Amino acid sequence: MSRSRTERLVNLVICLLSTRRYLTAAQIAATVPGYEHDPEDVKEHDAFQRKFERDKAELRALGVPLETGTASVFDSEPGYRIAHRDYALPPILLEPDEAAAVGVAARLWRHAGMAAAASSSDLKLRAGGVEV
């Protein structure tokens, strides 16, 4: 996957996680970098539609729970969003011996030149409520 496509997909996920209401394809195109196009230009608009459909399919294949719906009964165009409750990871539940093993590994990595990775994983576990 190209860097620009990866960035566009990440930006699309961030956009859809950042809203509670459904966003139409036009609203997404105006918000997410990589979807810029002239809606009056038929070729550009068709290219956007194909790109957006591919990106939605890719996110669904990756397990991202895209919701489709409308903001109100008066909307004819479908919108999209990602509900936090469906996207969030479950709590990290480690047994005391598992948490101890992770803590030892983090300390070893710190001394083996992988301090940044060790600190990051240690911080994430602590943020998840795991004592290491």
C-alpha atoms as a PDB file:
ATOM      1  CA  MET A   1       0.000   0.000   0.000  1.00  0.00           C
ATOM      2  CA  SER A   2       1.430   3.389  -0.962  1.00  0.00           C
ATOM      3  CA  ARG A   3       2.219   5.976   1.653  1.00  0.00           C
ATOM      4  CA  SER A   4      -0.381   8.412   0.301  1.00  0.00           C
ATOM      5  CA  ARG A   5      -3.080   5.725   0.391  1.00  0.00           C
ATOM      6  CA  THR A   6      -2.116   4.722   3.921  1.00  0.00           C
ATOM      7  CA  GLU A   7      -2.227   8.359   5.033  1.00  0.00           C
ATOM      8  CA  ARG A   8      -5.604   8.836   3.355  1.00  0.00           C
ATOM      9  CA  LEU A   9      -7.023   5.742   5.087  1.00  0.00           C
ATOM     10  CA  VAL A  10      -5.694   6.864   8.479  1.00  0.00           C
ATOM     11  CA  ASN A  11      -7.117  10.344   7.908  1.00  0.00           C
ATOM     12  CA  LEU A  12     -10.457   8.817   6.901  1.00  0.00           C
ATOM     13  CA  VAL A  13     -10.562   6.746  10.099  1.00  0.00           C
ATOM     14  CA  ILE A  14      -9.700   9.816  12.203  1.00  0.00           C
ATOM     15  CA  CYS A  15     -12.388  11.851  10.434  1.00  0.00           C
ATOM     16  CA  LEU A  16     -15.069   9.190  10.923  1.00  0.00           C
ATOM     17  CA  LEU A  17     -14.103   8.635  14.562  1.00  0.00           C
ATOM     18  CA  SER A  18     -14.228  12.381  15.223  1.00  0.00           C
ATOM     19  CA  THR A  19     -17.917  12.771  14.486  1.00  0.00           C
ATOM     20  CA  ARG A  20     -21.117  11.491  16.034  1.00  0.00           C
ATOM     21  CA  ARG A  21     -23.259  12.283  13.025  1.00  0.00           C
ATOM     22  CA  TYR A  22     -23.071  10.580   9.671  1.00  0.00           C
ATOM     23  CA  LEU A  23     -20.881  12.364   7.117  1.00  0.00           C
ATOM     24  CA  THR A  24     -21.779  12.231   3.437  1.00  0.00           C
ATOM     25  CA  ALA A  25     -19.201  11.429   0.780  1.00  0.00           C
ATOM     26  CA  ALA A  26     -19.166  15.122  -0.196  1.00  0.00           C
ATOM     27  CA  GLN A  27     -18.451  16.172   3.405  1.00  0.00           C
ATOM     28  CA  ILE A  28     -15.691  13.587   3.645  1.00  0.00           C
ATOM     29  CA  ALA A  29     -14.187  14.758   0.341  1.00  0.00           C
ATOM     30  CA  ALA A  30     -14.097  18.316   1.671  1.00  0.00           C
ATOM     31  CA  THR A  31     -12.455  17.217   4.934  1.00  0.00           C
ATOM     32  CA  VAL A  32     -10.043  14.349   4.283  1.00  0.00           C
ATOM     33  CA  PRO A  33      -6.774  15.088   2.460  1.00  0.00           C
ATOM     34  CA  GLY A  34      -6.423  12.961  -0.659  1.00  0.00           C
ATOM     35  CA  TYR A  35     -10.059  13.218  -1.704  1.00  0.00           C
ATOM     36  CA  GLU A  36      -9.878  16.736  -3.138  1.00  0.00           C
ATOM     37  CA  HIS A  37     -11.666  17.017  -6.459  1.00  0.00           C
ATOM     38  CA  ASP A  38     -13.949  19.275  -8.454  1.00  0.00           C
ATOM     39  CA  PRO A  39     -17.470  17.853  -7.977  1.00  0.00           C
ATOM     40  CA  GLU A  40     -18.555  19.626 -11.176  1.00  0.00           C
ATOM     41  CA  ASP A  41     -15.966  17.686 -13.210  1.00  0.00           C
ATOM     42  CA  VAL A  42     -17.609  14.343 -14.001  1.00  0.00           C
ATOM     43  CA  LYS A  43     -14.306  12.482 -14.498  1.00  0.00           C
ATOM     44  CA  GLU A  44     -12.832  13.805 -11.249  1.00  0.00           C
ATOM     45  CA  HIS A  45     -16.019  13.046  -9.330  1.00  0.00           C
ATOM     46  CA  ASP A  46     -16.192   9.502 -10.742  1.00  0.00           C
ATOM     47  CA  ALA A  47     -12.526   8.958  -9.821  1.00  0.00           C
ATOM     48  CA  PHE A  48     -13.268  10.176  -6.281  1.00  0.00           C
ATOM     49  CA  GLN A  49     -16.256   7.824  -5.996  1.00  0.00           C
ATOM     50  CA  ARG A  50     -14.155   4.830  -7.099  1.00  0.00           C
ATOM     51  CA  LYS A  51     -11.339   5.770  -4.704  1.00  0.00           C
ATOM     52  CA  PHE A  52     -13.774   6.248  -1.816  1.00  0.00           C
ATOM     53  CA  GLU A  53     -15.465   2.887  -2.511  1.00  0.00           C
ATOM     54  CA  ARG A  54     -12.056   1.135  -2.597  1.00  0.00           C
ATOM     55  CA  ASP A  55     -11.045   2.817   0.655  1.00  0.00           C
ATOM     56  CA  LYS A  56     -14.291   1.826   2.410  1.00  0.00           C
ATOM     57  CA  ALA A  57     -13.820  -1.763   1.244  1.00  0.00           C
ATOM     58  CA  GLU A  58     -10.205  -1.737   2.473  1.00  0.00           C
ATOM     59  CA  LEU A  59     -11.199  -0.419   5.904  1.00  0.00           C
ATOM     60  CA  ARG A  60     -13.925  -3.034   6.237  1.00  0.00           C
ATOM     61  CA  ALA A  61     -11.454  -5.757   5.198  1.00  0.00           C
ATOM     62  CA  LEU A  62      -9.142  -4.500   7.957  1.00  0.00           C
ATOM     63  CA  GLY A  63     -11.969  -4.871  10.468  1.00  0.00           C
ATOM     64  CA  VAL A  64     -12.873  -1.199  10.844  1.00  0.00           C
ATOM     65  CA  PRO A  65     -16.596  -1.065  11.736  1.00  0.00           C
ATOM     66  CA  LEU A  66     -17.921   1.536   9.282  1.00  0.00           C
ATOM     67  CA  GLU A  67     -21.515   2.491   9.975  1.00  0.00           C
ATOM     68  CA  THR A  68     -23.769   3.689   7.180  1.00  0.00           C
ATOM     69  CA  GLY A  69     -26.838   5.786   7.869  1.00  0.00           C
ATOM     70  CA  THR A  70     -28.385   9.218   7.560  1.00  0.00           C
ATOM     71  CA  ALA A  71     -28.275  12.185   9.890  1.00  0.00           C
ATOM     72  CA  SER A  72     -32.027  12.692   9.584  1.00  0.00           C
ATOM     73  CA  VAL A  73     -35.055  11.233   7.845  1.00  0.00           C
ATOM     74  CA  PHE A  74     -34.852  14.086   5.321  1.00  0.00           C
ATOM     75  CA  ASP A  75     -31.388  13.083   4.060  1.00  0.00           C
ATOM     76  CA  SER A  76     -31.388  11.053   0.870  1.00  0.00           C
ATOM     77  CA  GLU A  77     -27.619  10.554   0.655  1.00  0.00           C
ATOM     78  CA  PRO A  78     -26.057   7.991   2.994  1.00  0.00           C
ATOM     79  CA  GLY A  79     -23.420   9.027   5.453  1.00  0.00           C
ATOM     80  CA  TYR A  80     -20.627   7.252   7.270  1.00  0.00           C
ATOM     81  CA  ARG A  81     -19.105   7.192  10.741  1.00  0.00           C
ATOM     82  CA  ILE A  82     -17.202   4.911  13.115  1.00  0.00           C
ATOM     83  CA  ALA A  83     -18.675   4.454  16.582  1.00  0.00           C
ATOM     84  CA  HIS A  84     -16.049   4.541  19.339  1.00  0.00           C
ATOM     85  CA  ARG A  85     -17.733   1.667  21.184  1.00  0.00           C
ATOM     86  CA  ASP A  86     -17.279  -0.611  18.167  1.00  0.00           C
ATOM     87  CA  TYR A  87     -13.730   0.484  17.321  1.00  0.00           C
ATOM     88  CA  ALA A  88     -12.082   0.629  20.749  1.00  0.00           C
ATOM     89  CA  LEU A  89      -9.854  -2.219  21.806  1.00  0.00           C
ATOM     90  CA  PRO A  90     -10.938  -4.265  24.794  1.00  0.00           C
ATOM     91  CA  PRO A  91      -9.103  -3.752  28.092  1.00  0.00           C
ATOM     92  CA  ILE A  92      -5.714  -5.423  28.394  1.00  0.00           C
ATOM     93  CA  LEU A  93      -6.092  -8.145  30.985  1.00  0.00           C
ATOM     94  CA  LEU A  94      -2.804  -9.713  32.042  1.00  0.00           C
ATOM     95  CA  GLU A  95      -2.248 -12.145  34.857  1.00  0.00           C
ATOM     96  CA  PRO A  96       0.320 -10.953  37.430  1.00  0.00           C
ATOM     97  CA  ASP A  97       3.011 -13.241  36.009  1.00  0.00           C
ATOM     98  CA  GLU A  98       2.317 -11.997  32.461  1.00  0.00           C
ATOM     99  CA  ALA A  99       2.541  -8.376  33.599  1.00  0.00           C
ATOM    100  CA  ALA A 100       5.829  -9.164  35.336  1.00  0.00           C
ATOM    101  CA  ALA A 101       7.196 -10.756  32.152  1.00  0.00           C
ATOM    102  CA  VAL A 102       6.228  -7.692  30.128  1.00  0.00           C
ATOM    103  CA  GLY A 103       7.903  -5.460  32.721  1.00  0.00           C
ATOM    104  CA  VAL A 104      11.119  -7.498  32.599  1.00  0.00           C
ATOM    105  CA  ALA A 105      11.092  -7.446  28.784  1.00  0.00           C
ATOM    106  CA  ALA A 106      10.605  -3.670  28.775  1.00  0.00           C
ATOM    107  CA  ARG A 107      13.566  -3.207  31.115  1.00  0.00           C
ATOM    108  CA  LEU A 108      15.719  -5.485  28.933  1.00  0.00           C
ATOM    109  CA  TRP A 109      14.759  -3.573  25.792  1.00  0.00           C
ATOM    110  CA  ARG A 110      15.636  -0.326  27.508  1.00  0.00           C
ATOM    111  CA  HIS A 111      19.182  -1.582  27.958  1.00  0.00           C
ATOM    112  CA  ALA A 112      19.408  -3.142  24.510  1.00  0.00           C
ATOM    113  CA  GLY A 113      19.092   0.124  22.587  1.00  0.00           C
ATOM    114  CA  MET A 114      15.330  -0.055  22.171  1.00  0.00           C
ATOM    115  CA  ALA A 115      14.519   2.476  24.850  1.00  0.00           C
ATOM    116  CA  ALA A 116      11.904   4.341  22.812  1.00  0.00           C
ATOM    117  CA  ALA A 117       9.934   1.188  21.954  1.00  0.00           C
ATOM    118  CA  ALA A 118      10.179  -0.091  25.522  1.00  0.00           C
ATOM    119  CA  SER A 119       9.031   3.205  27.015  1.00  0.00           C
ATOM    120  CA  SER A 120       6.156   3.408  24.556  1.00  0.00           C
ATOM    121  CA  SER A 121       4.893  -0.107  25.288  1.00  0.00           C
ATOM    122  CA  ASP A 122       5.340   0.419  29.028  1.00  0.00           C
ATOM    123  CA  LEU A 123       3.366   3.674  28.847  1.00  0.00           C
ATOM    124  CA  LYS A 124       0.555   2.064  26.822  1.00  0.00           C
ATOM    125  CA  LEU A 125       0.220  -0.798  29.273  1.00  0.00           C
ATOM    126  CA  ARG A 126       0.146   1.565  32.252  1.00  0.00           C
ATOM    127  CA  ALA A 127      -2.451   3.727  30.483  1.00  0.00           C
ATOM    128  CA  GLY A 128      -4.534   0.584  30.051  1.00  0.00           C
ATOM    129  CA  GLY A 129      -4.405   0.014  33.804  1.00  0.00           C
ATOM    130  CA  VAL A 130      -1.838  -2.790  33.743  1.00  0.00           C
ATOM    131  CA  GLU A 131       0.732  -2.703  36.548  1.00  0.00           C
ATOM    132  CA  VAL A 132       4.177  -3.528  35.153  1.00  0.00           C
END
